[in-house]
């Protein structure tokens, strides 16, 4: 026997859509706006209904997760980029300019071929899932974000 799918009531759909679109605050306040937008929306709408509370938590958890993923990738990029530059400088100072040049060029290659595309994906994926969430919620279906760490339950 299958359970009926939950439905977001008509009066809750507009606040749910606003909650899912609230990460666009990141365009006005880079770095934290995409997290502060869902936080403010969730705090404003969570007492109205269980559906708004649940959708607010989903949006906030997803944005916190991707903020954390971006932070980890950014720190990793910084550490590896710095290590490559230091390795290149040490190699050049040790009298082996070929080794220093290879480390230096390898660092730039890794940065442009790996870390920039990863950061682009980390910037694009949340936008795509946000649009999918808005479409689903506007149809009355609750949305559960993938790749999300459940900080708030």
Protein backbone atom coordinates (compact mmCIF):
# COMPACT_ATOMS: atom_id res chain seq x y z
CA UNK A 1 0.00 0.00 0.00
CA UNK A 2 1.51 3.33 -0.99
CA UNK A 3 1.29 6.49 1.04
CA UNK A 4 -0.18 9.58 -0.60
CA UNK A 5 2.35 12.21 -1.51
CA UNK A 6 2.35 15.23 0.82
CA UNK A 7 1.04 18.43 -0.68
CA UNK A 8 1.97 21.99 0.19
CA UNK A 9 -1.29 23.90 0.73
CA UNK A 10 -2.04 26.77 -1.64
CA UNK A 11 -1.56 29.57 0.95
CA UNK A 12 1.90 28.20 1.84
CA UNK A 13 3.22 27.95 -1.71
CA UNK A 14 4.22 31.60 -2.16
CA UNK A 15 6.17 31.76 1.13
CA UNK A 16 7.80 28.41 0.23
CA UNK A 17 8.81 29.79 -3.17
CA UNK A 18 10.24 32.89 -1.48
CA UNK A 19 12.18 30.63 0.89
CA UNK A 20 13.67 28.66 -1.99
CA UNK A 21 14.51 31.85 -3.93
CA UNK A 22 16.05 33.53 -0.87
CA UNK A 23 19.59 32.27 -1.64
CA UNK A 24 19.61 34.90 -4.39
CA UNK A 25 20.46 37.28 -1.54
CA UNK A 26 23.98 36.01 -2.22
CA UNK A 27 24.01 38.30 -5.25
CA UNK A 28 23.67 41.30 -2.93
CA UNK A 29 25.82 39.98 -0.09
CA UNK A 30 28.45 37.63 -1.51
CA UNK A 31 29.75 34.74 0.60
CA UNK A 32 27.04 34.85 3.28
CA UNK A 33 23.90 36.08 1.52
CA UNK A 34 23.05 32.66 0.15
CA UNK A 35 22.96 31.33 3.74
CA UNK A 36 21.45 34.38 5.42
CA UNK A 37 18.57 34.57 2.92
CA UNK A 38 17.19 31.09 3.71
CA UNK A 39 17.87 31.61 7.42
CA UNK A 40 15.82 34.81 7.52
CA UNK A 41 13.06 33.27 5.37
CA UNK A 42 12.91 30.15 7.54
CA UNK A 43 12.80 32.18 10.75
CA UNK A 44 10.04 34.37 9.28
CA UNK A 45 7.83 31.54 7.95
CA UNK A 46 8.52 28.51 10.16
CA UNK A 47 5.70 29.20 12.61
CA UNK A 48 3.02 29.45 9.91
CA UNK A 49 2.92 25.75 9.04
CA UNK A 50 4.82 22.49 9.19
CA UNK A 51 5.32 22.56 5.41
CA UNK A 52 7.00 25.98 5.54
CA UNK A 53 9.15 24.86 8.46
CA UNK A 54 10.26 21.77 6.54
CA UNK A 55 10.96 23.63 3.27
CA UNK A 56 12.87 26.34 5.14
CA UNK A 57 15.07 23.73 6.79
CA UNK A 58 15.67 22.08 3.41
CA UNK A 59 16.75 25.33 1.78
CA UNK A 60 18.96 26.30 4.72
CA UNK A 61 20.58 22.85 5.00
CA UNK A 62 21.34 22.82 1.30
CA UNK A 63 22.90 26.27 1.28
CA UNK A 64 24.93 25.51 4.41
CA UNK A 65 26.14 22.28 2.80
CA UNK A 66 27.28 23.98 -0.38
CA UNK A 67 28.84 26.81 1.58
CA UNK A 68 30.83 24.19 3.50
CA UNK A 69 31.77 22.33 0.29
CA UNK A 70 33.00 25.58 -1.24
CA UNK A 71 34.99 26.41 1.89
CA UNK A 72 36.70 23.01 1.86
CA UNK A 73 37.55 23.24 -1.85
CA UNK A 74 38.75 26.83 -1.41
CA UNK A 75 41.03 25.97 1.51
CA UNK A 76 42.34 22.93 -0.37
CA UNK A 77 43.01 25.06 -3.45
CA UNK A 78 44.80 27.69 -1.37
CA UNK A 79 46.98 25.11 0.41
CA UNK A 80 47.92 23.24 -2.76
CA UNK A 81 48.47 26.43 -4.76
CA UNK A 82 50.68 27.82 -2.01
CA UNK A 83 52.59 24.55 -1.71
CA UNK A 84 53.25 24.60 -5.46
CA UNK A 85 54.48 28.18 -5.38
CA UNK A 86 56.72 27.46 -2.41
CA UNK A 87 57.99 24.30 -4.11
CA UNK A 88 58.73 26.28 -7.25
CA UNK A 89 60.59 28.95 -5.30
CA UNK A 90 62.60 26.36 -3.36
CA UNK A 91 63.40 24.47 -6.56
CA UNK A 92 64.56 27.67 -8.26
CA UNK A 93 66.62 28.69 -5.22
CA UNK A 94 68.24 25.25 -5.05
CA UNK A 95 69.72 25.76 -8.47
CA UNK A 96 67.34 23.54 -10.42
CA UNK A 97 65.26 26.03 -12.35
CA UNK A 98 63.61 23.28 -14.42
CA UNK A 99 62.19 21.68 -11.29
CA UNK A 100 61.03 25.05 -9.99
CA UNK A 101 59.38 25.93 -13.30
CA UNK A 102 57.63 22.56 -13.46
CA UNK A 103 56.25 22.96 -9.94
CA UNK A 104 55.15 26.50 -10.69
CA UNK A 105 53.47 25.59 -14.01
CA UNK A 106 51.92 22.45 -12.50
CA UNK A 107 50.37 24.58 -9.78
CA UNK A 108 48.82 26.96 -12.30
CA UNK A 109 47.69 24.03 -14.45
CA UNK A 110 45.95 22.36 -11.51
CA UNK A 111 44.36 25.64 -10.53
CA UNK A 112 42.94 26.40 -13.98
CA UNK A 113 42.12 22.83 -15.02
CA UNK A 114 40.73 21.48 -11.74
CA UNK A 115 39.90 24.04 -9.07
CA UNK A 116 38.27 26.71 -11.23
CA UNK A 117 35.91 24.19 -12.89
CA UNK A 118 35.08 22.67 -9.48
CA UNK A 119 34.31 26.11 -8.07
CA UNK A 120 32.16 26.88 -11.15
CA UNK A 121 30.18 23.68 -10.58
CA UNK A 122 29.81 24.52 -6.88
CA UNK A 123 28.37 27.86 -7.96
CA UNK A 124 26.07 26.53 -10.67
CA UNK A 125 24.63 23.41 -9.03
CA UNK A 126 22.85 25.27 -6.18
CA UNK A 127 21.22 27.60 -8.71
CA UNK A 128 19.92 24.68 -10.79
CA UNK A 129 18.55 22.86 -7.72
CA UNK A 130 17.00 26.10 -6.48
CA UNK A 131 15.07 26.46 -9.76
CA UNK A 132 13.95 22.81 -9.57
CA UNK A 133 12.78 23.41 -5.98
CA UNK A 134 10.79 26.48 -7.01
CA UNK A 135 9.08 24.58 -9.83
CA UNK A 136 8.23 21.65 -7.55
CA UNK A 137 6.96 23.84 -4.70
CA UNK A 138 4.86 25.95 -7.08
CA UNK A 139 3.16 22.69 -8.11
CA UNK A 140 2.48 21.92 -4.44
CA UNK A 141 5.08 19.18 -4.02
CA UNK A 142 7.60 19.44 -1.19
CA UNK A 143 11.22 19.38 -2.36
CA UNK A 144 14.13 17.61 -0.72
CA UNK A 145 17.54 18.81 -1.93
CA UNK A 146 20.14 16.21 -2.91
CA UNK A 147 23.77 16.40 -1.70
CA UNK A 148 22.60 18.11 1.46
CA UNK A 149 23.93 17.58 4.96
CA UNK A 150 21.02 17.62 7.42
CA UNK A 151 22.23 20.20 9.97
CA UNK A 152 18.64 21.03 10.96
CA UNK A 153 16.16 18.17 11.24
